[in-house]
Amino acid sequence: MLISPPAALLAWLTPRNLLWASVGMALTTMALKTLAWYVTGSVGLLSDAMESLVNLASAMFGVTMVTVAAQPADDNHPYGHHKAEYFASGFEGMLIFVAAGAILWTAVERLLAPQPLAQMGWGLALSVFSSLLNGGLAWVMLWASRRHRSIALEADARHLFTDVWTSAGVVLGLGAVALTGWNWLDPIVAIGVALNILKEGVHLVWRSSQGLMDEAVEPQVRDTIQHTLTAFLHQHNAGATPAGCVRFDHITTRMAGQRRFVELHMHIPGHWTLTHAAELRGQVEQALMQAVPGLRARIELLPCHVESYLDPADMSEPSP
């Protein structure tokens, strides 16, 4: 479980600020890892440095997309710009593919012609230090991504964690070379690094594609919505209204970056006044938004025993 950072930092820990911090960290770690590669000649450390270049590009693009996502809704984008964050996640995944390809190419060349390594002590020290820096920032970014529900921030944090594991693998590989003298272990480790980050790239591209396709909200959020509606019905139908007359159906949800949306039908007695029905709908919307922070609810009112026509092709989730 992640521990919350000190309260004094909370106001600063926004997605945009943390992504700028990631830019600075990428420049720092890239310099350290490039120096480690220069003094050792290790292709494993070179692959580690190349991944830091991906970190830099993705963090800079993430800053841009988070800035766009924060813009308010306008006439051309009435639901806001929140989906811009998915472009950051997808772009980061694509850059990972490029980095993995470059690492594989370099590693295969070195595997066919192994070379001795030098000054591995300095190289390992620089790699470990840069990994500690990345790990600390990734921990804070992952915590903040959950707090702000930012997929761009989460993607960058998970990529940094991948970078930490990559560096750990490189360090172990170089240690094995030092113990055994088998220089071919260095490119083998680099190939393993490439395959590891390639897996992370596939995951990021898949997540961003699902978000752009209006994926439903998380299962736990759907359960919270259903529980809130059920509790509201139990409370309301316990009164004078005939049991079962007020009900909800055709509940659909979707995510767009930091925003979550729910649409549903609320059936009410036909003899109610519009004022009474609107008051009840407002209570339901308030209960949903209190249960799920950041939720936007859209409720259509219908008389009891009346159904609206819905094209089955438009139904993303089954009615309860």
Protein backbone atom coordinates (compact mmCIF):
# COMPACT_ATOMS: atom_id res chain seq x y z
CA MET A 1 0.00 0.00 0.00
CA LEU A 2 1.30 3.45 -0.93
CA ILE A 3 1.81 5.91 1.94
CA SER A 4 0.63 9.47 1.40
CA PRO A 5 3.41 12.08 1.18
CA PRO A 6 3.53 14.97 3.70
CA ALA A 7 0.53 17.30 3.59
CA ALA A 8 2.76 20.27 2.69
CA LEU A 9 3.51 18.66 -0.67
CA LEU A 10 -0.06 17.88 -1.67
CA ALA A 11 -0.75 21.26 -3.27
CA TRP A 12 2.35 20.89 -5.46
CA LEU A 13 1.79 17.25 -6.46
CA THR A 14 -0.28 17.93 -9.56
CA PRO A 15 0.07 15.84 -12.74
CA ARG A 16 1.63 18.74 -14.64
CA ASN A 17 4.23 19.52 -11.95
CA LEU A 18 5.15 15.88 -11.52
CA LEU A 19 5.56 15.38 -15.25
CA TRP A 20 7.89 18.36 -15.33
CA ALA A 21 9.80 16.70 -12.49
CA SER A 22 9.91 13.56 -14.64
CA VAL A 23 11.47 15.60 -17.47
CA GLY A 24 14.21 16.80 -15.13
CA MET A 25 14.73 13.30 -13.74
CA ALA A 26 14.97 11.83 -17.24
CA LEU A 27 17.71 14.31 -18.16
CA THR A 28 19.60 13.49 -14.96
CA THR A 29 19.37 9.71 -15.23
CA MET A 30 20.12 9.76 -18.95
CA ALA A 31 23.36 11.63 -18.24
CA LEU A 32 24.31 9.22 -15.44
CA LYS A 33 23.55 6.09 -17.48
CA THR A 34 25.30 7.42 -20.57
CA LEU A 35 28.36 8.07 -18.45
CA ALA A 36 28.08 4.54 -17.04
CA TRP A 37 27.97 3.13 -20.59
CA TYR A 38 30.91 5.32 -21.66
CA VAL A 39 33.22 4.12 -18.89
CA THR A 40 32.26 0.42 -19.18
CA GLY A 41 31.36 -0.11 -22.83
CA SER A 42 28.42 -2.27 -21.67
CA VAL A 43 25.62 -2.63 -24.20
CA GLY A 44 23.33 -3.43 -21.26
CA LEU A 45 24.01 0.00 -19.77
CA LEU A 46 23.58 1.53 -23.23
CA SER A 47 20.11 -0.01 -23.43
CA ASP A 48 19.35 1.43 -20.00
CA ALA A 49 20.42 4.90 -21.19
CA MET A 50 18.29 4.61 -24.33
CA GLU A 51 15.22 3.87 -22.22
CA SER A 52 15.89 7.09 -20.27
CA LEU A 53 15.70 8.93 -23.60
CA VAL A 54 12.22 7.42 -24.04
CA ASN A 55 11.37 8.62 -20.52
CA LEU A 56 12.36 12.16 -21.51
CA ALA A 57 10.31 12.25 -24.71
CA SER A 58 7.25 10.70 -23.11
CA ALA A 59 7.36 13.03 -20.09
CA MET A 60 7.53 16.10 -22.33
CA PHE A 61 4.61 14.88 -24.42
CA GLY A 62 2.74 14.04 -21.20
CA VAL A 63 3.13 17.62 -19.97
CA THR A 64 1.57 18.86 -23.21
CA MET A 65 -1.37 16.45 -23.09
CA VAL A 66 -2.10 17.07 -19.40
CA THR A 67 -2.18 20.81 -20.15
CA VAL A 68 -4.66 20.20 -22.98
CA ALA A 69 -6.76 17.89 -20.78
CA ALA A 70 -7.09 20.60 -18.13
CA GLN A 71 -8.76 23.02 -20.55
CA PRO A 72 -12.49 23.62 -19.87
CA ALA A 73 -15.24 22.38 -22.16
CA ASP A 74 -16.08 24.51 -25.19
CA ASP A 75 -18.52 24.50 -28.10
CA ASN A 76 -16.47 21.97 -30.07
CA HIS A 77 -15.71 19.78 -27.04
CA PRO A 78 -18.79 19.92 -24.79
CA TYR A 79 -17.57 16.96 -22.70
CA GLY A 80 -14.16 18.55 -22.09
CA HIS A 81 -10.65 17.60 -23.25
CA HIS A 82 -9.95 14.87 -20.71
CA LYS A 83 -9.22 12.18 -23.30
CA ALA A 84 -6.04 14.00 -24.31
CA GLU A 85 -4.27 12.05 -21.56
CA TYR A 86 -4.83 8.82 -23.48
CA PHE A 87 -2.70 10.21 -26.31
CA ALA A 88 0.17 10.66 -23.84
CA SER A 89 -0.14 7.04 -22.71
CA GLY A 90 -0.31 5.73 -26.27
CA PHE A 91 2.60 7.90 -27.40
CA GLU A 92 4.72 6.60 -24.55
CA GLY A 93 3.91 3.04 -25.55
CA MET A 94 4.93 3.70 -29.15
CA LEU A 95 8.22 5.23 -28.06
CA ILE A 96 8.88 2.13 -26.00
CA PHE A 97 8.50 0.03 -29.15
CA VAL A 98 11.14 2.18 -30.89
CA ALA A 99 13.53 1.94 -27.93
CA ALA A 100 13.06 -1.83 -27.66
CA GLY A 101 13.85 -2.24 -31.36
CA ALA A 102 17.03 -0.17 -31.07
CA ILE A 103 18.15 -2.11 -28.01
CA LEU A 104 17.56 -5.46 -29.72
CA TRP A 105 19.52 -4.37 -32.80
CA THR A 106 22.50 -3.24 -30.69
CA ALA A 107 22.38 -6.30 -28.44
CA VAL A 108 22.32 -8.78 -31.31
CA GLU A 109 25.36 -7.09 -32.89
CA ARG A 110 27.26 -7.33 -29.58
CA LEU A 111 26.13 -10.93 -29.07
CA LEU A 112 27.68 -11.86 -32.43
CA ALA A 113 30.90 -10.05 -31.50
CA PRO A 114 31.31 -9.96 -27.67
CA GLN A 115 33.69 -7.37 -26.22
CA PRO A 116 35.33 -7.12 -22.79
CA LEU A 117 33.98 -4.61 -20.28
CA ALA A 118 35.94 -2.08 -18.23
CA GLN A 119 35.53 -0.12 -14.97
CA MET A 120 32.36 -1.96 -14.05
CA GLY A 121 32.48 -0.66 -10.48
CA TRP A 122 31.82 2.92 -11.57
CA GLY A 123 29.24 1.81 -14.11
CA LEU A 124 27.28 -0.20 -11.55
CA ALA A 125 27.40 2.62 -8.99
CA LEU A 126 26.05 5.18 -11.47
CA SER A 127 23.29 2.81 -12.62
CA VAL A 128 22.18 2.00 -9.07
CA PHE A 129 22.12 5.69 -8.09
CA SER A 130 20.00 6.66 -11.10
CA SER A 131 17.61 3.78 -10.35
CA LEU A 132 17.10 5.00 -6.81
CA LEU A 133 16.21 8.46 -8.15
CA ASN A 134 13.75 6.98 -10.65
CA GLY A 135 12.18 4.70 -8.06
CA GLY A 136 11.54 7.54 -5.61
CA LEU A 137 9.89 9.74 -8.23
CA ALA A 138 7.85 6.83 -9.64
CA TRP A 139 6.49 6.04 -6.16
CA VAL A 140 5.24 9.63 -5.70
CA MET A 141 3.84 9.79 -9.25
CA LEU A 142 1.89 6.55 -8.87
CA TRP A 143 0.34 7.78 -5.63
CA ALA A 144 -0.59 11.10 -7.25
CA SER A 145 -2.00 9.37 -10.35
CA ARG A 146 -4.52 7.54 -8.18
CA ARG A 147 -5.40 10.72 -6.32
CA HIS A 148 -5.95 12.71 -9.54
CA ARG A 149 -7.12 9.73 -11.67
CA SER A 150 -4.54 10.68 -14.32
CA ILE A 151 -3.68 7.95 -16.81
CA ALA A 152 -0.84 10.07 -18.25
CA LEU A 153 0.76 10.30 -14.82
CA GLU A 154 0.17 6.60 -14.15
CA ALA A 155 1.72 5.64 -17.50
CA ASP A 156 4.85 7.67 -16.78
CA ALA A 157 5.10 6.26 -13.24
CA ARG A 158 4.81 2.66 -14.43
CA HIS A 159 7.39 3.31 -17.13
CA LEU A 160 9.77 4.65 -14.48
CA PHE A 161 9.19 1.51 -12.40
CA THR A 162 9.99 -0.53 -15.51
CA ASP A 163 13.19 1.49 -15.82
CA VAL A 164 14.08 0.56 -12.23
CA TRP A 165 13.61 -3.15 -12.92
CA THR A 166 15.54 -2.76 -16.16
CA SER A 167 18.47 -1.23 -14.30
CA ALA A 168 18.32 -4.02 -11.73
CA GLY A 169 18.54 -6.59 -14.51
CA VAL A 170 21.50 -4.79 -16.08
CA VAL A 171 23.31 -4.64 -12.74
CA LEU A 172 22.77 -8.37 -12.18
CA GLY A 173 23.98 -9.09 -15.71
CA LEU A 174 27.14 -7.07 -15.26
CA GLY A 175 27.74 -8.76 -11.92
CA ALA A 176 27.46 -12.13 -13.64
CA VAL A 177 29.96 -11.00 -16.29
CA ALA A 178 32.40 -9.92 -13.58
CA LEU A 179 32.09 -13.25 -11.76
CA THR A 180 32.21 -15.55 -14.78
CA GLY A 181 34.10 -13.61 -17.41
CA TRP A 182 31.41 -14.52 -19.95
CA ASN A 183 31.10 -11.33 -21.99
CA TRP A 184 28.16 -12.71 -23.98
CA LEU A 185 25.99 -12.34 -20.87
CA ASP A 186 25.96 -8.55 -21.36
CA PRO A 187 24.03 -8.58 -24.68
CA ILE A 188 21.77 -11.35 -23.36
CA VAL A 189 20.77 -9.06 -20.50
CA ALA A 190 20.17 -6.22 -23.00
CA ILE A 191 17.83 -8.48 -25.00
CA GLY A 192 15.95 -9.29 -21.81
CA VAL A 193 15.67 -5.55 -21.09
CA ALA A 194 14.21 -4.93 -24.55
CA LEU A 195 11.61 -7.68 -24.18
CA ASN A 196 10.64 -6.39 -20.73
CA ILE A 197 10.01 -2.82 -21.83
CA LEU A 198 8.29 -4.06 -24.99
CA LYS A 199 5.72 -5.77 -22.76
CA GLU A 200 5.13 -2.50 -20.90
CA GLY A 201 4.69 -0.68 -24.22
CA VAL A 202 1.99 -3.12 -25.34
CA HIS A 203 0.17 -2.59 -22.03
CA LEU A 204 0.23 1.21 -22.35
CA VAL A 205 -0.99 1.21 -25.96
CA TRP A 206 -3.82 -1.18 -25.07
CA ARG A 207 -4.96 0.94 -22.12
CA SER A 208 -4.97 4.14 -24.13
CA SER A 209 -6.91 2.49 -26.97
CA GLN A 210 -9.55 1.25 -24.54
CA GLY A 211 -9.94 4.74 -23.08
CA LEU A 212 -10.40 6.29 -26.52
CA MET A 213 -13.11 3.69 -27.22
CA ASP A 214 -15.22 4.87 -24.22
CA GLU A 215 -14.38 1.99 -21.90
CA ALA A 216 -16.74 1.46 -18.96
CA VAL A 217 -15.63 2.65 -15.52
CA GLU A 218 -13.75 0.31 -13.21
CA PRO A 219 -15.71 -2.66 -11.75
CA GLN A 220 -15.43 -1.28 -8.21
CA VAL A 221 -16.87 2.07 -9.36
CA ARG A 222 -19.75 0.29 -11.11
CA ASP A 223 -20.43 -1.61 -7.89
CA THR A 224 -20.47 1.68 -5.96
CA ILE A 225 -22.94 3.19 -8.42
CA GLN A 226 -25.22 0.15 -8.21
CA HIS A 227 -25.01 0.07 -4.41
CA THR A 228 -25.86 3.81 -4.22
CA LEU A 229 -28.91 3.38 -6.45
CA THR A 230 -30.09 0.32 -4.52
CA ALA A 231 -29.73 2.11 -1.20
CA PHE A 232 -31.66 5.10 -2.56
CA LEU A 233 -34.51 2.82 -3.72
CA HIS A 234 -34.73 1.07 -0.36
CA GLN A 235 -34.92 4.41 1.41
CA HIS A 236 -37.45 5.97 -0.97
CA ASN A 237 -39.74 2.99 -1.53
CA ALA A 238 -40.06 2.53 2.21
CA GLY A 239 -42.37 5.57 2.19
CA ALA A 240 -45.84 6.10 0.77
CA THR A 241 -44.93 5.41 -2.85
CA PRO A 242 -45.90 1.88 -3.95
CA ALA A 243 -42.88 -0.40 -3.72
CA GLY A 244 -41.10 -0.93 -7.00
CA CYS A 245 -42.65 2.03 -8.80
CA VAL A 246 -39.49 4.14 -8.63
CA ARG A 247 -36.74 2.15 -10.31
CA PHE A 248 -33.57 2.51 -12.39
CA ASP A 249 -32.48 0.70 -15.54
CA HIS A 250 -30.33 1.01 -18.67
CA ILE A 251 -27.30 2.06 -16.61
CA THR A 252 -24.28 2.80 -18.82
CA THR A 253 -20.91 4.24 -17.82
CA ARG A 254 -17.77 5.47 -19.54
CA MET A 255 -14.42 7.03 -18.70
CA ALA A 256 -12.70 10.01 -20.29
CA GLY A 257 -9.34 10.70 -18.66
CA GLN A 258 -9.97 11.95 -15.13
CA ARG A 259 -13.74 12.10 -15.67
CA ARG A 260 -16.33 9.35 -15.22
CA PHE A 261 -19.83 9.49 -16.68
CA VAL A 262 -23.00 7.52 -15.95
CA GLU A 263 -26.31 7.61 -17.83
CA LEU A 264 -29.49 5.87 -16.68
CA HIS A 265 -33.27 5.88 -16.78
CA MET A 266 -35.30 6.64 -13.65
CA HIS A 267 -38.92 5.48 -13.75
CA ILE A 268 -41.40 7.40 -11.59
CA PRO A 269 -45.20 7.45 -11.09
CA GLY A 270 -46.93 9.14 -14.04
CA HIS A 271 -49.08 11.39 -11.86
CA TRP A 272 -46.10 13.14 -10.24
CA THR A 273 -45.51 16.81 -11.02
CA LEU A 274 -42.40 17.76 -12.95
CA THR A 275 -41.13 19.67 -9.89
CA HIS A 276 -41.40 16.60 -7.66
CA ALA A 277 -39.68 14.39 -10.24
CA ALA A 278 -36.87 16.90 -10.77
CA GLU A 279 -36.28 17.16 -7.00
CA LEU A 280 -35.96 13.39 -6.72
CA ARG A 281 -33.61 13.24 -9.70
CA GLY A 282 -31.44 15.92 -8.08
CA GLN A 283 -31.22 13.82 -4.92
CA VAL A 284 -30.10 10.80 -6.93
CA GLU A 285 -27.46 12.82 -8.81
CA GLN A 286 -26.14 14.26 -5.55
CA ALA A 287 -25.93 10.79 -3.96
CA LEU A 288 -24.03 9.40 -6.97
CA MET A 289 -21.55 12.28 -7.11
CA GLN A 290 -20.90 12.01 -3.38
CA ALA A 291 -20.28 8.27 -3.69
CA VAL A 292 -17.99 8.63 -6.75
CA PRO A 293 -15.95 11.89 -6.76
CA GLY A 294 -15.67 13.44 -10.21
CA LEU A 295 -18.69 11.51 -11.57
CA ARG A 296 -21.03 13.23 -14.03
CA ALA A 297 -24.57 11.79 -13.97
CA ARG A 298 -27.22 12.13 -16.69
CA ILE A 299 -30.66 10.79 -15.71
CA GLU A 300 -33.64 10.51 -18.05
CA LEU A 301 -37.09 10.54 -16.42
CA LEU A 302 -39.76 8.09 -17.60
CA PRO A 303 -43.23 7.16 -16.26
CA CYS A 304 -43.57 3.74 -14.65
CA HIS A 305 -44.14 0.87 -17.07
CA VAL A 306 -42.94 2.99 -20.03
CA GLU A 307 -39.76 2.07 -21.84
CA SER A 308 -37.83 4.20 -24.35
CA TYR A 309 -36.53 2.65 -27.55
CA LEU A 310 -32.86 1.75 -27.41
CA ASP A 311 -30.83 0.40 -30.30
CA PRO A 312 -29.13 -2.77 -28.98
CA ALA A 313 -25.96 -1.74 -30.82
CA ASP A 314 -25.72 1.34 -28.60
CA MET A 315 -25.95 -0.53 -25.31
CA SER A 316 -22.45 -0.79 -23.82
CA GLU A 317 -23.57 -2.45 -20.59
CA PRO A 318 -26.50 -4.72 -19.78
CA SER A 319 -29.38 -3.42 -17.73
CA PRO A 320 -29.51 -4.75 -14.17
